[in-house]
Amino acid sequence: MDQDQRNQLIEAYRAYLGAFRANDLEALDALVRYPVAYIGEGTVEMLESYPIKPAEMIASKQWHSTADAEFEVVGLSPTKAHVVLPRARRLRADGSLIETVSAF
C-alpha cells in the first residue's frame, strides 16, 4: 500500500470525524457503507442506519474538541481498510479532559 492511499484513507477518516462533530447525518451516511456492525455494552448489532445521534453525545459529554489524534493505517485492500486511533483526548471548552479514547 502506498503513501498516497494511506493519505486518502486518513483524509476520509478525518471527513468522517468532521461530519460527526458537525452532526451532519447526510455526510455520515455518504461515508459509511451499510450494514454497519455496532458494538455496544453487551451487544453487537448489524444496522442499516447510523447508530448514534452525534449531537446528543456531544451535548451529554460537553465535548468541545479532540486533541492528540493520530491515525495508523494497518491494512488496506480494494474493499476494506483498517485504521487504528491509538489514543486521543476529548476535551471540554475549558480544555479539561472528558475522556481518553481509542478506536480500531
N, C-alpha and C. Protein backbone atom coordinates (compact mmCIF):
# COMPACT_ATOMS: atom_id res chain seq x y z
N MET A 1 0.85 -1.17 0.00
CA MET A 1 0.00 0.00 0.00
C MET A 1 0.90 1.23 0.00
N ASP A 2 0.61 2.17 -0.89
CA ASP A 2 1.48 3.33 -0.99
C ASP A 2 1.01 4.49 -0.10
N GLN A 3 1.87 5.47 0.05
CA GLN A 3 1.60 6.59 0.95
C GLN A 3 0.39 7.40 0.49
N ASP A 4 0.16 7.50 -0.82
CA ASP A 4 -1.00 8.23 -1.32
C ASP A 4 -2.30 7.57 -0.87
N GLN A 5 -2.34 6.25 -0.94
CA GLN A 5 -3.53 5.51 -0.49
C GLN A 5 -3.74 5.72 1.01
N ARG A 6 -2.69 5.67 1.78
CA ARG A 6 -2.78 5.91 3.23
C ARG A 6 -3.32 7.32 3.49
N ASN A 7 -2.79 8.30 2.78
CA ASN A 7 -3.24 9.68 2.98
C ASN A 7 -4.71 9.85 2.63
N GLN A 8 -5.15 9.22 1.55
CA GLN A 8 -6.56 9.29 1.16
C GLN A 8 -7.46 8.68 2.23
N LEU A 9 -7.03 7.56 2.78
CA LEU A 9 -7.81 6.91 3.82
C LEU A 9 -7.90 7.78 5.08
N ILE A 10 -6.80 8.35 5.48
CA ILE A 10 -6.80 9.21 6.66
C ILE A 10 -7.67 10.45 6.42
N GLU A 11 -7.62 11.01 5.22
CA GLU A 11 -8.49 12.15 4.90
C GLU A 11 -9.97 11.75 4.95
N ALA A 12 -10.29 10.55 4.49
CA ALA A 12 -11.67 10.07 4.58
C ALA A 12 -12.08 9.93 6.04
N TYR A 13 -11.18 9.43 6.88
CA TYR A 13 -11.50 9.29 8.30
C TYR A 13 -11.66 10.66 8.95
N ARG A 14 -10.82 11.61 8.57
CA ARG A 14 -10.97 12.98 9.11
C ARG A 14 -12.30 13.59 8.66
N ALA A 15 -12.72 13.30 7.43
CA ALA A 15 -14.03 13.78 6.95
C ALA A 15 -15.15 13.16 7.78
N TYR A 16 -15.00 11.88 8.11
CA TYR A 16 -15.99 11.21 8.96
C TYR A 16 -16.07 11.91 10.33
N LEU A 17 -14.91 12.16 10.94
CA LEU A 17 -14.91 12.82 12.24
C LEU A 17 -15.50 14.22 12.16
N GLY A 18 -15.20 14.95 11.08
CA GLY A 18 -15.76 16.28 10.90
C GLY A 18 -17.28 16.24 10.75
N ALA A 19 -17.77 15.27 10.01
CA ALA A 19 -19.23 15.12 9.84
C ALA A 19 -19.87 14.76 11.17
N PHE A 20 -19.22 13.91 11.94
CA PHE A 20 -19.73 13.54 13.26
C PHE A 20 -19.83 14.77 14.16
N ARG A 21 -18.74 15.54 14.24
CA ARG A 21 -18.72 16.73 15.10
C ARG A 21 -19.73 17.78 14.65
N ALA A 22 -20.02 17.82 13.34
CA ALA A 22 -20.98 18.78 12.80
C ALA A 22 -22.41 18.26 12.86
N ASN A 23 -22.58 17.02 13.36
CA ASN A 23 -23.91 16.39 13.40
C ASN A 23 -24.53 16.33 12.01
N ASP A 24 -23.70 16.09 11.00
CA ASP A 24 -24.15 16.04 9.61
C ASP A 24 -24.44 14.59 9.23
N LEU A 25 -25.66 14.15 9.52
CA LEU A 25 -26.03 12.75 9.28
C LEU A 25 -26.00 12.40 7.80
N GLU A 26 -26.31 13.35 6.94
CA GLU A 26 -26.25 13.09 5.49
C GLU A 26 -24.82 12.80 5.05
N ALA A 27 -23.86 13.58 5.55
CA ALA A 27 -22.46 13.34 5.22
C ALA A 27 -21.98 12.01 5.81
N LEU A 28 -22.41 11.70 7.03
CA LEU A 28 -22.05 10.41 7.63
C LEU A 28 -22.57 9.26 6.79
N ASP A 29 -23.82 9.36 6.35
CA ASP A 29 -24.39 8.30 5.52
C ASP A 29 -23.63 8.13 4.21
N ALA A 30 -23.09 9.22 3.68
CA ALA A 30 -22.31 9.14 2.44
C ALA A 30 -20.95 8.48 2.67
N LEU A 31 -20.46 8.53 3.90
CA LEU A 31 -19.15 7.98 4.22
C LEU A 31 -19.19 6.56 4.76
N VAL A 32 -20.35 6.13 5.23
CA VAL A 32 -20.48 4.82 5.86
C VAL A 32 -21.16 3.86 4.88
N ARG A 33 -20.64 2.66 4.77
CA ARG A 33 -21.26 1.63 3.95
C ARG A 33 -22.06 0.71 4.88
N TYR A 34 -23.34 0.61 4.62
CA TYR A 34 -24.24 -0.20 5.45
C TYR A 34 -24.43 -1.58 4.83
N PRO A 35 -24.68 -2.60 5.64
CA PRO A 35 -24.90 -2.53 7.09
C PRO A 35 -23.59 -2.29 7.83
N VAL A 36 -23.72 -1.76 9.02
CA VAL A 36 -22.57 -1.50 9.87
C VAL A 36 -22.75 -2.29 11.15
N ALA A 37 -21.66 -2.86 11.63
CA ALA A 37 -21.70 -3.57 12.91
C ALA A 37 -21.52 -2.56 14.03
N TYR A 38 -22.49 -2.53 14.93
CA TYR A 38 -22.42 -1.63 16.08
C TYR A 38 -22.16 -2.48 17.32
N ILE A 39 -21.08 -2.19 18.02
CA ILE A 39 -20.72 -2.92 19.22
C ILE A 39 -20.98 -2.00 20.40
N GLY A 40 -21.93 -2.38 21.22
CA GLY A 40 -22.28 -1.60 22.41
C GLY A 40 -22.06 -2.44 23.65
N GLU A 41 -22.58 -1.96 24.76
CA GLU A 41 -22.41 -2.70 26.01
C GLU A 41 -23.17 -4.02 25.95
N GLY A 42 -22.43 -5.10 25.81
CA GLY A 42 -23.02 -6.43 25.83
C GLY A 42 -23.79 -6.82 24.59
N THR A 43 -23.64 -6.08 23.49
CA THR A 43 -24.40 -6.39 22.29
C THR A 43 -23.62 -6.05 21.02
N VAL A 44 -23.90 -6.80 19.98
CA VAL A 44 -23.40 -6.50 18.64
C VAL A 44 -24.61 -6.56 17.72
N GLU A 45 -24.81 -5.50 16.93
CA GLU A 45 -25.96 -5.44 16.03
C GLU A 45 -25.50 -5.04 14.64
N MET A 46 -26.17 -5.55 13.63
CA MET A 46 -25.97 -5.12 12.26
C MET A 46 -27.07 -4.11 11.95
N LEU A 47 -26.68 -2.90 11.59
CA LEU A 47 -27.64 -1.81 11.42
C LEU A 47 -27.60 -1.25 10.00
N GLU A 48 -28.75 -0.77 9.55
CA GLU A 48 -28.89 -0.16 8.23
C GLU A 48 -28.94 1.36 8.29
N SER A 49 -28.73 1.92 9.49
CA SER A 49 -28.67 3.37 9.64
C SER A 49 -27.64 3.70 10.72
N TYR A 50 -27.23 4.94 10.74
CA TYR A 50 -26.19 5.35 11.68
C TYR A 50 -26.68 5.17 13.11
N PRO A 51 -25.92 4.49 13.97
CA PRO A 51 -26.42 4.08 15.28
C PRO A 51 -26.38 5.14 16.38
N ILE A 52 -25.74 6.27 16.14
CA ILE A 52 -25.54 7.27 17.18
C ILE A 52 -26.10 8.60 16.72
N LYS A 53 -26.65 9.35 17.65
CA LYS A 53 -27.06 10.73 17.39
C LYS A 53 -25.91 11.62 17.88
N PRO A 54 -25.06 12.07 16.96
CA PRO A 54 -23.87 12.81 17.38
C PRO A 54 -24.18 14.01 18.28
N ALA A 55 -25.21 14.78 17.95
CA ALA A 55 -25.50 15.99 18.74
C ALA A 55 -25.79 15.63 20.19
N GLU A 56 -26.50 14.53 20.41
CA GLU A 56 -26.82 14.11 21.77
C GLU A 56 -25.56 13.70 22.53
N MET A 57 -24.69 12.95 21.87
CA MET A 57 -23.45 12.52 22.51
C MET A 57 -22.55 13.72 22.83
N ILE A 58 -22.42 14.62 21.88
CA ILE A 58 -21.59 15.81 22.07
C ILE A 58 -22.11 16.64 23.23
N ALA A 59 -23.43 16.86 23.28
CA ALA A 59 -24.03 17.66 24.35
C ALA A 59 -23.89 16.96 25.70
N SER A 60 -24.15 15.67 25.75
CA SER A 60 -24.12 14.97 27.03
C SER A 60 -22.71 14.93 27.63
N LYS A 61 -21.70 14.89 26.78
CA LYS A 61 -20.33 14.85 27.27
C LYS A 61 -19.69 16.24 27.40
N GLN A 62 -20.39 17.26 26.89
CA GLN A 62 -19.83 18.62 26.83
C GLN A 62 -18.54 18.61 26.00
N TRP A 63 -18.56 17.83 24.93
CA TRP A 63 -17.41 17.60 24.07
C TRP A 63 -17.21 18.81 23.16
N HIS A 64 -16.09 19.46 23.30
CA HIS A 64 -15.77 20.65 22.50
C HIS A 64 -14.76 20.36 21.41
N SER A 65 -13.73 19.59 21.74
CA SER A 65 -12.68 19.31 20.75
C SER A 65 -11.97 18.00 21.09
N THR A 66 -11.12 17.59 20.16
CA THR A 66 -10.32 16.39 20.34
C THR A 66 -8.86 16.76 20.11
N ALA A 67 -7.99 16.28 20.98
CA ALA A 67 -6.56 16.58 20.87
C ALA A 67 -5.77 15.28 20.77
N ASP A 68 -4.59 15.40 20.19
CA ASP A 68 -3.62 14.29 20.12
C ASP A 68 -4.11 13.09 19.32
N ALA A 69 -4.96 13.33 18.32
CA ALA A 69 -5.46 12.23 17.49
C ALA A 69 -4.45 11.94 16.37
N GLU A 70 -3.91 10.76 16.40
CA GLU A 70 -3.01 10.28 15.35
C GLU A 70 -3.59 8.99 14.81
N PHE A 71 -3.48 8.78 13.52
CA PHE A 71 -4.08 7.62 12.89
C PHE A 71 -2.99 6.74 12.29
N GLU A 72 -3.21 5.44 12.37
CA GLU A 72 -2.29 4.49 11.76
C GLU A 72 -3.09 3.55 10.87
N VAL A 73 -2.73 3.48 9.61
CA VAL A 73 -3.37 2.54 8.69
C VAL A 73 -2.63 1.22 8.82
N VAL A 74 -3.36 0.18 9.23
CA VAL A 74 -2.72 -1.12 9.45
C VAL A 74 -3.12 -2.15 8.41
N GLY A 75 -4.05 -1.80 7.54
CA GLY A 75 -4.45 -2.70 6.47
C GLY A 75 -5.32 -1.97 5.47
N LEU A 76 -5.13 -2.26 4.19
CA LEU A 76 -5.91 -1.60 3.15
C LEU A 76 -6.00 -2.52 1.95
N SER A 77 -7.23 -2.75 1.49
CA SER A 77 -7.47 -3.54 0.29
C SER A 77 -8.49 -2.78 -0.55
N PRO A 78 -8.81 -3.25 -1.73
CA PRO A 78 -9.81 -2.56 -2.55
C PRO A 78 -11.21 -2.50 -1.92
N THR A 79 -11.49 -3.38 -0.93
CA THR A 79 -12.84 -3.41 -0.36
C THR A 79 -12.92 -3.04 1.11
N LYS A 80 -11.80 -2.90 1.79
CA LYS A 80 -11.87 -2.53 3.20
C LYS A 80 -10.55 -1.94 3.66
N ALA A 81 -10.63 -1.31 4.83
CA ALA A 81 -9.44 -0.70 5.42
C ALA A 81 -9.50 -0.86 6.93
N HIS A 82 -8.35 -0.89 7.54
CA HIS A 82 -8.25 -0.94 8.99
C HIS A 82 -7.41 0.26 9.43
N VAL A 83 -8.02 1.09 10.26
CA VAL A 83 -7.36 2.28 10.79
C VAL A 83 -7.39 2.19 12.31
N VAL A 84 -6.27 2.47 12.93
CA VAL A 84 -6.19 2.48 14.39
C VAL A 84 -5.99 3.93 14.84
N LEU A 85 -6.77 4.31 15.83
CA LEU A 85 -6.58 5.56 16.55
C LEU A 85 -6.10 5.12 17.93
N PRO A 86 -4.76 5.06 18.13
CA PRO A 86 -4.26 4.51 19.39
C PRO A 86 -4.72 5.28 20.62
N ARG A 87 -4.86 6.60 20.48
CA ARG A 87 -5.21 7.41 21.63
C ARG A 87 -5.59 8.80 21.16
N ALA A 88 -6.63 9.34 21.76
CA ALA A 88 -7.00 10.75 21.56
C ALA A 88 -7.67 11.22 22.83
N ARG A 89 -7.63 12.52 23.04
CA ARG A 89 -8.26 13.10 24.24
C ARG A 89 -9.44 13.95 23.82
N ARG A 90 -10.62 13.68 24.39
CA ARG A 90 -11.80 14.52 24.19
C ARG A 90 -11.80 15.57 25.29
N LEU A 91 -12.00 16.82 24.86
CA LEU A 91 -11.87 17.95 25.79
C LEU A 91 -13.14 18.80 25.84
N ARG A 92 -13.37 19.42 26.99
CA ARG A 92 -14.43 20.42 27.15
C ARG A 92 -13.91 21.75 26.62
N ALA A 93 -14.79 22.74 26.54
CA ALA A 93 -14.42 24.07 26.03
C ALA A 93 -13.32 24.71 26.87
N ASP A 94 -13.27 24.40 28.16
CA ASP A 94 -12.23 24.99 29.02
C ASP A 94 -10.91 24.23 28.95
N GLY A 95 -10.85 23.18 28.10
CA GLY A 95 -9.63 22.40 27.93
C GLY A 95 -9.51 21.23 28.88
N SER A 96 -10.46 21.07 29.80
CA SER A 96 -10.38 19.95 30.73
C SER A 96 -10.73 18.64 30.02
N LEU A 97 -10.13 17.57 30.51
CA LEU A 97 -10.28 16.25 29.90
C LEU A 97 -11.63 15.63 30.23
N ILE A 98 -12.32 15.17 29.20
CA ILE A 98 -13.55 14.39 29.37
C ILE A 98 -13.17 12.92 29.48
N GLU A 99 -12.41 12.46 28.48
CA GLU A 99 -12.01 11.06 28.44
C GLU A 99 -10.91 10.87 27.42
N THR A 100 -10.20 9.77 27.57
CA THR A 100 -9.22 9.34 26.59
C THR A 100 -9.86 8.18 25.84
N VAL A 101 -9.76 8.22 24.51
CA VAL A 101 -10.41 7.20 23.68
C VAL A 101 -9.40 6.56 22.74
N SER A 102 -9.76 5.37 22.26
CA SER A 102 -9.00 4.71 21.21
C SER A 102 -10.02 4.01 20.32
N ALA A 103 -9.62 3.72 19.10
CA ALA A 103 -10.55 3.09 18.17
C ALA A 103 -9.79 2.25 17.16
N PHE A 104 -10.51 1.27 16.61
CA PHE A 104 -9.99 0.44 15.52
C PHE A 104 -11.02 0.42 14.45
